[in-house]
């Protein structure tokens, strides 16, 4: 059964990475230094298992690839083992690297782990090497679901699955957050609602506290009415659980990461959406795109999706922000921008009362029941400050 506090199994993955490092055929000096760094970080208690697992995995890989132990690397104005190594695994000239080298994003991940390791070793020259920000690729329209696709997803799902899709598109949470929320930490009051992130959950990367459900509140409310085990059978049940029993799971077990992926694949198949798009992170990207289009401030986008205030991740969505600015400029000068299907709603009817809204372009509220249909900084700030219940410690 999935552990609701660790739905992605980061603790087990960390222990496996530690075991693999101990068994690895690498220079013993590197191995002992990596283990020492790992032990120091474990002692502080300030690093999540996922972060520790990544560090162990990356440093083990670098130690396997390098021809000279990392602990012996030198860096001078005339020669740099650091530069030579990373150039070699980038272009494929390193004999242990694949033809053509590794991707920029993978090399960037290794560089960041090595930088931590070199600082631990006291290599002052490491400060002169610019590791840079994460080299993750830019997010474009192709990485998101279109409004037509989201409408079809809603049309092909109901109950639990539609609640999951709605909550993801409205709040942009991480998979680890979605899988670890407890039903008791959700409150619905009419068309409004919110939830607290699980404070014991692993993999949230520092995200904590309360989040509003926004327009997904009616979907979550209907799902809670149908929840198979909460509150009578299991008052501590996860918000999203298995809807039936199977060979390896029981009715009411927390829905794990593979369960979220399977339901999205099933929904995409029914909706006629290419299976290559059946990836849960696309729902998160789509949510962030909508927040940008709705004019939500950077501060509130970061708050909603669980990024720290100094996180550079929003920079990855620059092309989507540029498109929004271009349309605003056209509108300012009285030009009619080309019809953009993503100005339309994510669903055909109001989630709360069922009023048809698909023809209402840029509608911020349902004309019948008043449900907020877009992200709005002022409204969200008021909702947070006047949250529906006192924040749990």
Protein backbone atom coordinates (compact mmCIF):
# COMPACT_ATOMS: atom_id res chain seq x y z
CA UNK A 1 0.00 0.00 0.00
CA UNK A 2 1.19 3.53 -0.78
CA UNK A 3 2.43 5.53 2.22
CA UNK A 4 0.42 8.76 2.21
CA UNK A 5 3.32 10.62 3.83
CA UNK A 6 5.76 9.35 1.20
CA UNK A 7 3.67 8.53 -1.89
CA UNK A 8 6.70 8.45 -4.19
CA UNK A 9 8.73 6.22 -1.87
CA UNK A 10 11.61 8.66 -1.48
CA UNK A 11 12.87 7.08 1.75
CA UNK A 12 13.18 3.68 0.08
CA UNK A 13 14.81 5.26 -2.98
CA UNK A 14 17.31 7.08 -0.78
CA UNK A 15 18.25 3.89 1.04
CA UNK A 16 18.62 2.07 -2.28
CA UNK A 17 20.86 4.84 -3.63
CA UNK A 18 22.98 4.61 -0.48
CA UNK A 19 23.29 0.85 -0.86
CA UNK A 20 24.25 1.15 -4.54
CA UNK A 21 26.92 3.72 -3.68
CA UNK A 22 28.45 1.42 -1.07
CA UNK A 23 28.56 -1.40 -3.63
CA UNK A 24 29.82 0.75 -6.51
CA UNK A 25 33.20 0.02 -8.09
CA UNK A 26 34.59 3.52 -7.77
CA UNK A 27 37.71 5.03 -6.22
CA UNK A 28 37.53 4.42 -2.48
CA UNK A 29 38.58 7.99 -1.69
CA UNK A 30 35.63 9.31 -3.65
CA UNK A 31 33.28 6.80 -2.04
CA UNK A 32 34.33 7.64 1.51
CA UNK A 33 34.15 11.39 0.86
CA UNK A 34 30.66 11.08 -0.64
CA UNK A 35 29.50 9.01 2.33
CA UNK A 36 30.96 11.60 4.70
CA UNK A 37 29.08 14.41 2.95
CA UNK A 38 25.88 12.37 3.01
CA UNK A 39 26.29 11.65 6.72
CA UNK A 40 26.82 15.31 7.58
CA UNK A 41 23.70 16.32 5.66
CA UNK A 42 21.67 13.56 7.34
CA UNK A 43 22.79 14.80 10.75
CA UNK A 44 21.42 18.29 10.11
CA UNK A 45 17.99 16.92 9.23
CA UNK A 46 17.58 19.75 6.75
CA UNK A 47 17.55 17.74 3.53
CA UNK A 48 14.62 15.83 2.09
CA UNK A 49 15.13 12.17 1.14
CA UNK A 50 14.59 13.04 -2.52
CA UNK A 51 17.42 15.60 -2.38
CA UNK A 52 19.75 13.17 -0.65
CA UNK A 53 18.89 10.42 -3.13
CA UNK A 54 19.67 12.71 -6.06
CA UNK A 55 23.01 13.74 -4.55
CA UNK A 56 24.07 10.13 -3.96
CA UNK A 57 22.97 9.00 -7.42
CA UNK A 58 24.64 11.88 -9.24
CA UNK A 59 27.95 11.71 -7.37
CA UNK A 60 28.10 7.95 -7.83
CA UNK A 61 27.60 8.43 -11.58
CA UNK A 62 30.29 11.10 -11.82
CA UNK A 63 32.70 8.89 -9.87
CA UNK A 64 31.99 6.08 -12.35
CA UNK A 65 32.49 8.31 -15.39
CA UNK A 66 35.60 10.22 -14.36
CA UNK A 67 39.03 8.84 -15.25
CA UNK A 68 40.59 10.74 -12.36
CA UNK A 69 39.09 10.55 -8.85
CA UNK A 70 37.01 13.63 -8.05
CA UNK A 71 38.99 14.10 -4.85
CA UNK A 72 42.11 14.64 -6.99
CA UNK A 73 40.61 17.10 -9.45
CA UNK A 74 42.66 20.25 -10.01
CA UNK A 75 41.73 23.59 -11.49
CA UNK A 76 44.31 26.13 -12.71
CA UNK A 77 44.33 28.87 -15.35
CA UNK A 78 46.07 26.39 -17.65
CA UNK A 79 44.16 23.18 -17.01
CA UNK A 80 40.94 22.19 -15.30
CA UNK A 81 39.94 18.61 -14.56
CA UNK A 82 36.45 19.93 -13.85
CA UNK A 83 36.11 21.60 -17.25
CA UNK A 84 37.67 18.65 -19.07
CA UNK A 85 35.30 16.17 -17.42
CA UNK A 86 32.08 18.04 -18.09
CA UNK A 87 33.12 18.93 -21.63
CA UNK A 88 33.85 15.25 -22.22
CA UNK A 89 30.49 13.96 -21.03
CA UNK A 90 28.73 16.75 -22.94
CA UNK A 91 30.28 16.09 -26.35
CA UNK A 92 30.88 12.36 -25.91
CA UNK A 93 34.68 12.53 -25.90
CA UNK A 94 34.78 11.00 -22.43
CA UNK A 95 35.35 7.27 -23.08
CA UNK A 96 32.67 6.34 -20.55
CA UNK A 97 30.02 8.64 -22.02
CA UNK A 98 27.61 7.67 -24.84
CA UNK A 99 28.21 8.79 -28.42
CA UNK A 100 27.15 12.41 -28.68
CA UNK A 101 27.33 12.89 -24.93
CA UNK A 102 24.62 13.39 -22.34
CA UNK A 103 21.83 15.96 -22.53
CA UNK A 104 22.41 19.49 -21.25
CA UNK A 105 19.83 19.02 -18.50
CA UNK A 106 21.48 15.82 -17.22
CA UNK A 107 24.95 17.36 -17.32
CA UNK A 108 23.58 20.37 -15.45
CA UNK A 109 22.20 18.12 -12.73
CA UNK A 110 25.58 16.41 -12.35
CA UNK A 111 27.38 19.76 -12.23
CA UNK A 112 25.22 21.00 -9.37
CA UNK A 113 25.84 17.87 -7.31
CA UNK A 114 29.57 18.04 -7.98
CA UNK A 115 29.59 21.69 -6.89
CA UNK A 116 28.11 20.68 -3.52
CA UNK A 117 30.71 17.93 -3.22
CA UNK A 118 33.65 20.19 -4.09
CA UNK A 119 32.51 22.76 -1.53
CA UNK A 120 32.43 19.96 1.03
CA UNK A 121 36.01 19.07 0.06
CA UNK A 122 37.08 22.68 0.56
CA UNK A 123 38.09 23.30 -3.05
CA UNK A 124 38.10 27.11 -3.07
CA UNK A 125 38.48 27.19 -6.84
CA UNK A 126 34.99 25.73 -7.11
CA UNK A 127 33.61 29.19 -6.27
CA UNK A 128 35.09 30.49 -9.54
CA UNK A 129 33.09 28.02 -11.61
CA UNK A 130 29.65 29.20 -12.63
CA UNK A 131 27.26 26.32 -12.26
CA UNK A 132 24.24 28.45 -13.08
CA UNK A 133 20.56 27.87 -12.59
CA UNK A 134 18.82 24.60 -13.42
CA UNK A 135 19.01 24.03 -17.17
CA UNK A 136 15.54 22.60 -17.47
CA UNK A 137 13.93 23.20 -20.82
CA UNK A 138 11.54 26.05 -21.44
CA UNK A 139 7.82 25.33 -21.13
CA UNK A 140 5.83 26.09 -24.27
CA UNK A 141 2.25 25.64 -25.46
CA UNK A 142 3.17 22.14 -26.65
CA UNK A 143 3.88 21.13 -23.05
CA UNK A 144 0.34 22.00 -21.96
CA UNK A 145 -3.15 20.67 -22.61
CA UNK A 146 -5.30 22.85 -24.84
CA UNK A 147 -8.67 24.09 -23.57
CA UNK A 148 -10.39 21.76 -26.03
CA UNK A 149 -8.45 18.84 -24.57
CA UNK A 150 -9.28 19.75 -20.97
CA UNK A 151 -12.95 20.06 -21.88
CA UNK A 152 -12.83 16.57 -23.38
CA UNK A 153 -11.06 15.23 -20.29
CA UNK A 154 -13.86 16.54 -18.08
CA UNK A 155 -16.46 15.09 -20.45
CA UNK A 156 -14.86 11.64 -20.20
CA UNK A 157 -14.41 11.56 -16.40
CA UNK A 158 -16.54 11.90 -13.31
CA UNK A 159 -16.31 11.49 -9.55
CA UNK A 160 -12.77 11.01 -8.35
CA UNK A 161 -10.99 11.43 -11.68
CA UNK A 162 -12.70 14.70 -12.61
CA UNK A 163 -11.96 16.01 -9.09
CA UNK A 164 -8.28 15.19 -9.53
CA UNK A 165 -8.07 16.86 -12.94
CA UNK A 166 -9.96 19.92 -11.70
CA UNK A 167 -7.83 20.35 -8.60
CA UNK A 168 -4.63 19.99 -10.62
CA UNK A 169 -5.73 22.53 -13.22
CA UNK A 170 -6.90 25.00 -10.57
CA UNK A 171 -4.02 24.75 -8.10
CA UNK A 172 -1.01 23.37 -10.03
CA UNK A 173 0.21 21.13 -7.22
CA UNK A 174 3.10 18.68 -7.37
CA UNK A 175 2.23 15.01 -7.76
CA UNK A 176 3.65 14.37 -4.28
CA UNK A 177 1.27 16.97 -2.86
CA UNK A 178 -1.78 15.60 -4.66
CA UNK A 179 -1.04 12.08 -3.44
CA UNK A 180 -0.45 13.07 0.19
CA UNK A 181 -3.42 15.34 1.01
CA UNK A 182 -5.72 13.92 3.67
CA UNK A 183 -9.48 14.19 3.30
CA UNK A 184 -9.77 15.69 6.78
CA UNK A 185 -7.53 18.57 5.69
CA UNK A 186 -10.04 19.72 3.07
CA UNK A 187 -12.92 22.07 3.87
CA UNK A 188 -15.75 22.91 1.51
CA UNK A 189 -18.21 25.73 2.18
CA UNK A 190 -20.60 26.19 -0.72
CA UNK A 191 -18.62 27.12 -3.82
CA UNK A 192 -15.50 27.89 -1.81
CA UNK A 193 -12.95 25.61 -0.28
CA UNK A 194 -9.34 24.99 0.56
CA UNK A 195 -6.88 22.42 1.80
CA UNK A 196 -3.77 22.10 3.90
CA UNK A 197 -0.72 20.37 2.49
CA UNK A 198 0.29 17.32 4.51
CA UNK A 199 3.02 18.60 6.90
CA UNK A 200 4.51 15.11 7.15
CA UNK A 201 4.66 14.52 3.40
CA UNK A 202 7.98 13.90 1.69
CA UNK A 203 8.75 15.44 -1.68
CA UNK A 204 6.99 18.83 -1.34
CA UNK A 205 10.32 20.72 -1.52
CA UNK A 206 9.44 23.05 1.33
CA UNK A 207 5.86 23.80 0.31
CA UNK A 208 3.50 23.94 3.27
CA UNK A 209 0.30 25.44 4.60
CA UNK A 210 -3.05 26.34 3.13
CA UNK A 211 -4.13 26.61 -0.52
CA UNK A 212 -7.52 27.66 -1.92
CA UNK A 213 -9.29 25.19 -4.20
CA UNK A 214 -10.69 28.01 -6.35
CA UNK A 215 -13.08 26.73 -9.04
CA UNK A 216 -12.24 23.09 -8.28
CA UNK A 217 -14.10 23.29 -4.94
CA UNK A 218 -17.41 21.94 -6.37
CA UNK A 219 -15.59 18.97 -7.93
CA UNK A 220 -13.83 18.16 -4.65
CA UNK A 221 -17.07 18.59 -2.71
CA UNK A 222 -18.88 16.10 -4.92
CA UNK A 223 -15.99 13.63 -4.63
CA UNK A 224 -15.97 13.88 -0.83
CA UNK A 225 -19.67 12.99 -0.87
CA UNK A 226 -18.74 9.83 -2.83
CA UNK A 227 -15.53 8.99 -0.93
CA UNK A 228 -15.65 5.24 -0.20
CA UNK A 229 -14.00 5.31 3.23
CA UNK A 230 -13.98 8.86 4.62
CA UNK A 231 -15.05 9.66 7.28
CA UNK A 232 -16.93 6.62 8.59
CA UNK A 233 -14.52 3.78 7.74
CA UNK A 234 -11.23 5.67 7.84
CA UNK A 235 -11.18 9.19 9.32
CA UNK A 236 -7.49 9.50 8.34
CA UNK A 237 -8.07 8.54 4.70
CA UNK A 238 -6.25 10.19 1.83
CA UNK A 239 -8.29 12.62 -0.24
CA UNK A 240 -7.72 10.54 -3.37
CA UNK A 241 -7.96 6.79 -2.87
CA UNK A 242 -8.40 3.59 -4.86
CA UNK A 243 -12.04 3.34 -5.92
CA UNK A 244 -12.00 -0.46 -5.95
CA UNK A 245 -9.89 -3.40 -4.81
CA UNK A 246 -7.32 -5.16 -6.98
CA UNK A 247 -4.54 -7.76 -6.75
CA UNK A 248 -2.12 -5.36 -5.05
CA UNK A 249 -4.40 -2.75 -3.49
CA UNK A 250 -7.64 -2.44 -1.55
CA UNK A 251 -10.60 -0.10 -1.74
CA UNK A 252 -9.68 3.07 0.12
CA UNK A 253 -5.90 2.68 -0.13
CA UNK A 254 -4.11 5.98 -0.93
CA UNK A 255 -3.79 6.50 -4.67
CA UNK A 256 -0.10 6.33 -5.55
CA UNK A 257 1.84 8.09 -8.34
CA UNK A 258 1.25 5.21 -10.76
CA UNK A 259 -2.47 5.41 -10.02
CA UNK A 260 -2.58 9.09 -10.96
CA UNK A 261 -0.71 8.34 -14.19
CA UNK A 262 -3.01 5.44 -15.07
CA UNK A 263 -6.18 7.46 -14.59
CA UNK A 264 -4.82 10.24 -16.80
CA UNK A 265 -3.84 7.75 -19.50
CA UNK A 266 -7.32 6.24 -19.33
CA UNK A 267 -8.97 9.66 -19.53
CA UNK A 268 -6.79 10.72 -22.49
CA UNK A 269 -7.60 7.52 -24.35
CA UNK A 270 -11.33 8.03 -23.86
CA UNK A 271 -11.06 11.69 -24.86
CA UNK A 272 -9.10 10.93 -28.03
CA UNK A 273 -5.98 12.70 -26.79
CA UNK A 274 -2.59 11.38 -27.88
CA UNK A 275 -1.13 9.10 -25.22
CA UNK A 276 2.17 10.99 -25.40
CA UNK A 277 0.40 13.83 -23.57
CA UNK A 278 -0.84 11.59 -20.74
CA UNK A 279 1.71 12.93 -18.26
CA UNK A 280 0.68 14.39 -14.93
CA UNK A 281 3.21 17.23 -15.10
CA UNK A 282 1.31 18.57 -18.13
CA UNK A 283 -1.62 19.31 -15.83
CA UNK A 284 0.71 21.35 -13.61
CA UNK A 285 2.13 23.19 -16.64
CA UNK A 286 -1.39 23.88 -17.89
CA UNK A 287 -2.41 25.29 -14.51
CA UNK A 288 0.59 27.62 -14.40
CA UNK A 289 -0.10 28.76 -17.96
CA UNK A 290 -3.67 29.64 -16.96
CA UNK A 291 -2.41 31.57 -13.91
CA UNK A 292 -0.10 33.57 -16.18
CA UNK A 293 -2.92 34.23 -18.66
CA UNK A 294 -5.22 35.33 -15.84
CA UNK A 295 -2.63 37.88 -14.72
CA UNK A 296 -1.78 36.29 -11.39
CA UNK A 297 1.32 37.89 -9.86
CA UNK A 298 4.60 35.99 -9.70
CA UNK A 299 4.36 35.96 -5.91
CA UNK A 300 0.97 34.26 -5.93
CA UNK A 301 1.87 31.80 -8.67
CA UNK A 302 4.87 30.67 -6.63
CA UNK A 303 2.71 30.44 -3.52
CA UNK A 304 0.01 28.39 -5.25
CA UNK A 305 2.30 25.81 -6.85
CA UNK A 306 4.77 25.52 -3.94
CA UNK A 307 7.86 27.33 -5.17
CA UNK A 308 10.02 29.41 -2.85
CA UNK A 309 10.07 33.16 -3.38
CA UNK A 310 13.56 33.03 -4.89
CA UNK A 311 12.86 30.02 -7.12
CA UNK A 312 13.87 30.53 -10.77
CA UNK A 313 11.37 27.94 -12.04
CA UNK A 314 8.86 30.51 -13.31
CA UNK A 315 11.49 31.67 -15.80
CA UNK A 316 10.89 28.42 -17.69
CA UNK A 317 7.45 29.73 -18.65
CA UNK A 318 8.82 32.87 -20.30
CA UNK A 319 7.41 32.13 -23.76
CA UNK A 320 3.90 31.83 -22.33
CA UNK A 321 4.33 35.14 -20.50
CA UNK A 322 5.58 36.81 -23.70
CA UNK A 323 2.52 35.63 -25.60
CA UNK A 324 0.25 37.07 -22.93
CA UNK A 325 2.05 40.43 -23.05
CA UNK A 326 1.78 40.54 -26.85
CA UNK A 327 -1.98 40.01 -26.70
CA UNK A 328 -2.34 42.71 -24.03
CA UNK A 329 -0.44 45.19 -26.22
CA UNK A 330 -2.68 44.39 -29.20
CA UNK A 331 -5.77 44.88 -27.07
CA UNK A 332 -4.42 48.21 -25.75
CA UNK A 333 -4.16 49.56 -29.29
CA UNK A 334 -7.61 48.38 -30.23
CA UNK A 335 -6.42 45.46 -32.31
CA UNK A 336 -8.27 42.19 -32.25
CA UNK A 337 -5.79 39.45 -31.48
CA UNK A 338 -6.14 36.27 -33.45
CA UNK A 339 -8.63 33.95 -31.83
CA UNK A 340 -6.84 32.04 -29.12
CA UNK A 341 -8.63 28.92 -28.03
CA UNK A 342 -7.01 29.19 -24.63
CA UNK A 343 -9.02 32.33 -23.92
CA UNK A 344 -11.96 29.97 -23.62
CA UNK A 345 -12.94 28.12 -20.48
CA UNK A 346 -11.45 24.81 -19.42
CA UNK A 347 -14.91 23.27 -19.24
CA UNK A 348 -18.27 23.51 -21.02
CA UNK A 349 -20.48 24.14 -17.98
CA UNK A 350 -20.08 25.79 -14.59
CA UNK A 351 -18.61 23.23 -12.15
CA UNK A 352 -21.05 24.34 -9.44
CA UNK A 353 -24.45 24.89 -11.07
CA UNK A 354 -24.09 23.49 -14.59
CA UNK A 355 -24.80 26.73 -16.43
CA UNK A 356 -23.31 26.62 -19.98
CA UNK A 357 -20.25 28.88 -20.11
CA UNK A 358 -18.28 27.61 -23.10
CA UNK A 359 -19.38 30.55 -25.25
CA UNK A 360 -18.49 33.14 -22.61
CA UNK A 361 -15.05 34.42 -23.58
CA UNK A 362 -12.82 35.37 -20.64
CA UNK A 363 -15.64 34.96 -18.13
CA UNK A 364 -14.33 35.54 -14.61
CA UNK A 365 -17.51 34.42 -12.85
CA UNK A 366 -20.42 32.13 -13.59
CA UNK A 367 -23.35 34.41 -14.51
CA UNK A 368 -25.77 32.22 -12.55
CA UNK A 369 -24.12 31.23 -9.26
CA UNK A 370 -21.12 33.57 -9.13
CA UNK A 371 -18.43 30.88 -8.95
CA UNK A 372 -15.02 32.41 -9.69
CA UNK A 373 -13.71 30.89 -12.93
CA UNK A 374 -10.28 32.51 -13.14
CA UNK A 375 -7.25 33.19 -10.98
CA UNK A 376 -7.31 36.68 -9.53
CA UNK A 377 -4.63 38.04 -7.22
CA UNK A 378 -6.90 40.32 -5.19
CA UNK A 379 -9.56 37.67 -4.73
CA UNK A 380 -7.03 34.97 -3.83
CA UNK A 381 -5.32 37.22 -1.30
CA UNK A 382 -8.65 37.97 0.36
CA UNK A 383 -9.51 34.28 0.43
CA UNK A 384 -6.21 33.35 2.04
CA UNK A 385 -6.48 36.07 4.66
CA UNK A 386 -10.05 35.06 5.41
CA UNK A 387 -9.45 31.34 5.15
CA UNK A 388 -12.28 29.06 5.99
CA UNK A 389 -10.67 27.65 9.11
CA UNK A 390 -7.76 28.44 11.38
CA UNK A 391 -4.50 27.20 9.92
CA UNK A 392 -3.24 24.03 11.54
CA UNK A 393 0.17 24.09 13.12
